[in-house]
Amino acid sequence: MKRNTVKRPWGYFTNLESGMGWHLKTIGIKPNSRLSLQSHRKRSETWIVVEGDIGSVVRGREMRHRVGDVIRVPKRAKHRLFSKRGGTLVEIGFGVFDEDDIIRYEDDYGRT
């Protein structure tokens, strides 16, 4: 897998490595930003907070996280990340990965 960083209005993600049915990437969230409320039919995600101030909403439950915390997102669960001061996570995803698998319910940036 070729490493590449993709900029988004809320920050960035960098693809680090992938194999059959899994991927590893970092996610950087800008201060006062949040990702879309979304779900995936074909993949689950596990996030590990490595830096900063991170919040999550998974299945309607909002939580705050510290460095070292692990957040699990099952397939089909509505979820989002946000940060007031900015932060970084490592994501490990399991399943099938394609952009068509993102179902957005709310998005601050007008994406559908």
C-alpha atoms as a PDB file:
ATOM      1  CA  MET A   1       0.000   0.000   0.000  1.00  0.00           C
ATOM      2  CA  LYS A   2       1.271   3.416  -0.921  1.00  0.00           C
ATOM      3  CA  ARG A   3       1.241   5.853   1.999  1.00  0.00           C
ATOM      4  CA  ASN A   4      -0.831   8.879   1.234  1.00  0.00           C
ATOM      5  CA  THR A   5      -2.316  11.710   3.244  1.00  0.00           C
ATOM      6  CA  VAL A   6      -5.786  12.916   2.347  1.00  0.00           C
ATOM      7  CA  LYS A   7      -6.847  16.367   3.543  1.00  0.00           C
ATOM      8  CA  ARG A   8     -10.416  16.902   4.678  1.00  0.00           C
ATOM      9  CA  PRO A   9     -12.203  20.020   6.005  1.00  0.00           C
ATOM     10  CA  TRP A  10     -11.980  18.572   9.549  1.00  0.00           C
ATOM     11  CA  GLY A  11      -8.285  17.555   9.317  1.00  0.00           C
ATOM     12  CA  TYR A  12      -6.619  14.639   7.522  1.00  0.00           C
ATOM     13  CA  PHE A  13      -6.066  10.911   7.424  1.00  0.00           C
ATOM     14  CA  THR A  14      -2.940   9.054   6.366  1.00  0.00           C
ATOM     15  CA  ASN A  15      -3.145   5.492   5.057  1.00  0.00           C
ATOM     16  CA  LEU A  16      -0.234   3.577   6.582  1.00  0.00           C
ATOM     17  CA  GLU A  17      -0.687  -0.090   5.769  1.00  0.00           C
ATOM     18  CA  SER A  18      -3.319  -2.572   4.646  1.00  0.00           C
ATOM     19  CA  GLY A  19      -3.799  -6.274   4.113  1.00  0.00           C
ATOM     20  CA  MET A  20      -6.577  -8.667   3.210  1.00  0.00           C
ATOM     21  CA  GLY A  21      -9.577  -7.317   5.111  1.00  0.00           C
ATOM     22  CA  TRP A  22      -7.801  -4.718   7.278  1.00  0.00           C
ATOM     23  CA  HIS A  23      -6.249  -1.266   7.156  1.00  0.00           C
ATOM     24  CA  LEU A  24      -4.209   0.968   9.435  1.00  0.00           C
ATOM     25  CA  LYS A  25      -4.270   4.754   9.293  1.00  0.00           C
ATOM     26  CA  THR A  26      -3.834   7.874  11.385  1.00  0.00           C
ATOM     27  CA  ILE A  27      -6.555  10.486  11.727  1.00  0.00           C
ATOM     28  CA  GLY A  28      -5.790  14.082  12.678  1.00  0.00           C
ATOM     29  CA  ILE A  29      -8.670  16.311  13.764  1.00  0.00           C
ATOM     30  CA  LYS A  30      -8.351  20.106  13.706  1.00  0.00           C
ATOM     31  CA  PRO A  31      -9.458  22.163  16.721  1.00  0.00           C
ATOM     32  CA  ASN A  32     -13.216  22.819  16.839  1.00  0.00           C
ATOM     33  CA  SER A  33     -13.917  20.242  14.119  1.00  0.00           C
ATOM     34  CA  ARG A  34     -15.956  17.098  13.783  1.00  0.00           C
ATOM     35  CA  LEU A  35     -16.320  14.340  11.232  1.00  0.00           C
ATOM     36  CA  SER A  36     -19.691  13.473   9.732  1.00  0.00           C
ATOM     37  CA  LEU A  37     -22.144  11.295  11.617  1.00  0.00           C
ATOM     38  CA  GLN A  38     -21.868   8.117   9.577  1.00  0.00           C
ATOM     39  CA  SER A  39     -22.010   4.347   9.501  1.00  0.00           C
ATOM     40  CA  HIS A  40     -20.524   1.507   7.442  1.00  0.00           C
ATOM     41  CA  ARG A  41     -22.227  -1.702   6.356  1.00  0.00           C
ATOM     42  CA  LYS A  42     -19.050  -3.579   5.473  1.00  0.00           C
ATOM     43  CA  ARG A  43     -16.472  -2.648   8.100  1.00  0.00           C
ATOM     44  CA  SER A  44     -15.825  -2.086  11.787  1.00  0.00           C
ATOM     45  CA  GLU A  45     -13.296   0.362  13.200  1.00  0.00           C
ATOM     46  CA  THR A  46     -11.163   0.542  16.316  1.00  0.00           C
ATOM     47  CA  TRP A  47      -9.599   3.884  17.252  1.00  0.00           C
ATOM     48  CA  ILE A  48      -6.756   4.484  19.698  1.00  0.00           C
ATOM     49  CA  VAL A  49      -6.223   8.038  20.933  1.00  0.00           C
ATOM     50  CA  VAL A  50      -2.536   8.935  20.653  1.00  0.00           C
ATOM     51  CA  GLU A  51      -2.589  12.710  21.115  1.00  0.00           C
ATOM     52  CA  GLY A  52      -4.825  15.547  22.215  1.00  0.00           C
ATOM     53  CA  ASP A  53      -8.462  16.019  23.034  1.00  0.00           C
ATOM     54  CA  ILE A  54     -10.879  13.602  21.335  1.00  0.00           C
ATOM     55  CA  GLY A  55     -14.597  13.063  21.654  1.00  0.00           C
ATOM     56  CA  SER A  56     -16.728  10.409  20.053  1.00  0.00           C
ATOM     57  CA  VAL A  57     -20.348   9.564  19.502  1.00  0.00           C
ATOM     58  CA  VAL A  58     -21.031   5.847  18.959  1.00  0.00           C
ATOM     59  CA  ARG A  59     -24.634   4.611  18.808  1.00  0.00           C
ATOM     60  CA  GLY A  60     -25.831   7.919  20.294  1.00  0.00           C
ATOM     61  CA  ARG A  61     -23.503   7.806  23.308  1.00  0.00           C
ATOM     62  CA  GLU A  62     -21.132  10.787  23.553  1.00  0.00           C
ATOM     63  CA  MET A  63     -17.820  10.267  25.350  1.00  0.00           C
ATOM     64  CA  ARG A  64     -14.547  12.128  25.962  1.00  0.00           C
ATOM     65  CA  HIS A  65     -11.244  10.292  25.576  1.00  0.00           C
ATOM     66  CA  ARG A  66      -7.661  10.536  26.785  1.00  0.00           C
ATOM     67  CA  VAL A  67      -4.404   9.313  25.297  1.00  0.00           C
ATOM     68  CA  GLY A  68      -4.402   5.508  25.300  1.00  0.00           C
ATOM     69  CA  ASP A  69      -8.185   5.105  25.238  1.00  0.00           C
ATOM     70  CA  VAL A  70      -9.620   2.586  22.776  1.00  0.00           C
ATOM     71  CA  ILE A  71     -12.929   3.221  20.985  1.00  0.00           C
ATOM     72  CA  ARG A  72     -14.678   0.378  19.169  1.00  0.00           C
ATOM     73  CA  VAL A  73     -17.190   0.996  16.379  1.00  0.00           C
ATOM     74  CA  PRO A  74     -19.094  -2.084  15.186  1.00  0.00           C
ATOM     75  CA  LYS A  75     -20.444  -2.457  11.654  1.00  0.00           C
ATOM     76  CA  ARG A  76     -23.633  -0.434  11.069  1.00  0.00           C
ATOM     77  CA  ALA A  77     -23.157   1.699  14.220  1.00  0.00           C
ATOM     78  CA  LYS A  78     -23.687   5.437  13.705  1.00  0.00           C
ATOM     79  CA  HIS A  79     -20.538   7.224  14.821  1.00  0.00           C
ATOM     80  CA  ARG A  80     -18.525  10.447  14.686  1.00  0.00           C
ATOM     81  CA  LEU A  81     -15.311  11.932  16.068  1.00  0.00           C
ATOM     82  CA  PHE A  82     -14.800  15.519  17.219  1.00  0.00           C
ATOM     83  CA  SER A  83     -12.254  17.679  19.000  1.00  0.00           C
ATOM     84  CA  LYS A  84     -12.232  21.080  20.686  1.00  0.00           C
ATOM     85  CA  ARG A  85      -8.420  21.407  20.885  1.00  0.00           C
ATOM     86  CA  GLY A  86      -7.324  18.999  18.149  1.00  0.00           C
ATOM     87  CA  GLY A  87      -6.050  15.466  18.372  1.00  0.00           C
ATOM     88  CA  THR A  88      -4.740  12.351  16.659  1.00  0.00           C
ATOM     89  CA  LEU A  89      -5.917   8.752  16.557  1.00  0.00           C
ATOM     90  CA  VAL A  90      -4.737   5.506  15.045  1.00  0.00           C
ATOM     91  CA  GLU A  91      -7.487   3.599  13.245  1.00  0.00           C
ATOM     92  CA  ILE A  92      -7.540  -0.122  12.593  1.00  0.00           C
ATOM     93  CA  GLY A  93     -10.372  -1.132  10.309  1.00  0.00           C
ATOM     94  CA  PHE A  94     -11.625  -4.636   9.584  1.00  0.00           C
ATOM     95  CA  GLY A  95     -13.780  -5.592   6.618  1.00  0.00           C
ATOM     96  CA  VAL A  96     -14.286  -4.200   3.119  1.00  0.00           C
ATOM     97  CA  PHE A  97     -12.998  -0.685   2.406  1.00  0.00           C
ATOM     98  CA  ASP A  98     -14.450   1.558  -0.228  1.00  0.00           C
ATOM     99  CA  GLU A  99     -15.837   5.075  -0.120  1.00  0.00           C
ATOM    100  CA  ASP A 100     -19.266   3.810  -1.258  1.00  0.00           C
ATOM    101  CA  ASP A 101     -19.617   2.149   2.162  1.00  0.00           C
ATOM    102  CA  ILE A 102     -19.891   5.520   3.959  1.00  0.00           C
ATOM    103  CA  ILE A 103     -23.482   6.405   4.837  1.00  0.00           C
ATOM    104  CA  ARG A 104     -23.612  10.035   6.031  1.00  0.00           C
ATOM    105  CA  TYR A 105     -26.466  11.187   8.264  1.00  0.00           C
ATOM    106  CA  GLU A 106     -25.136  14.647   9.232  1.00  0.00           C
ATOM    107  CA  ASP A 107     -22.212  16.573   7.765  1.00  0.00           C
ATOM    108  CA  ASP A 108     -20.949  20.064   8.645  1.00  0.00           C
ATOM    109  CA  TYR A 109     -19.316  20.411   5.210  1.00  0.00           C
ATOM    110  CA  GLY A 110     -22.247  19.670   2.881  1.00  0.00           C
ATOM    111  CA  ARG A 111     -21.081  16.218   1.779  1.00  0.00           C
ATOM    112  CA  THR A 112     -23.648  13.521   1.081  1.00  0.00           C
END
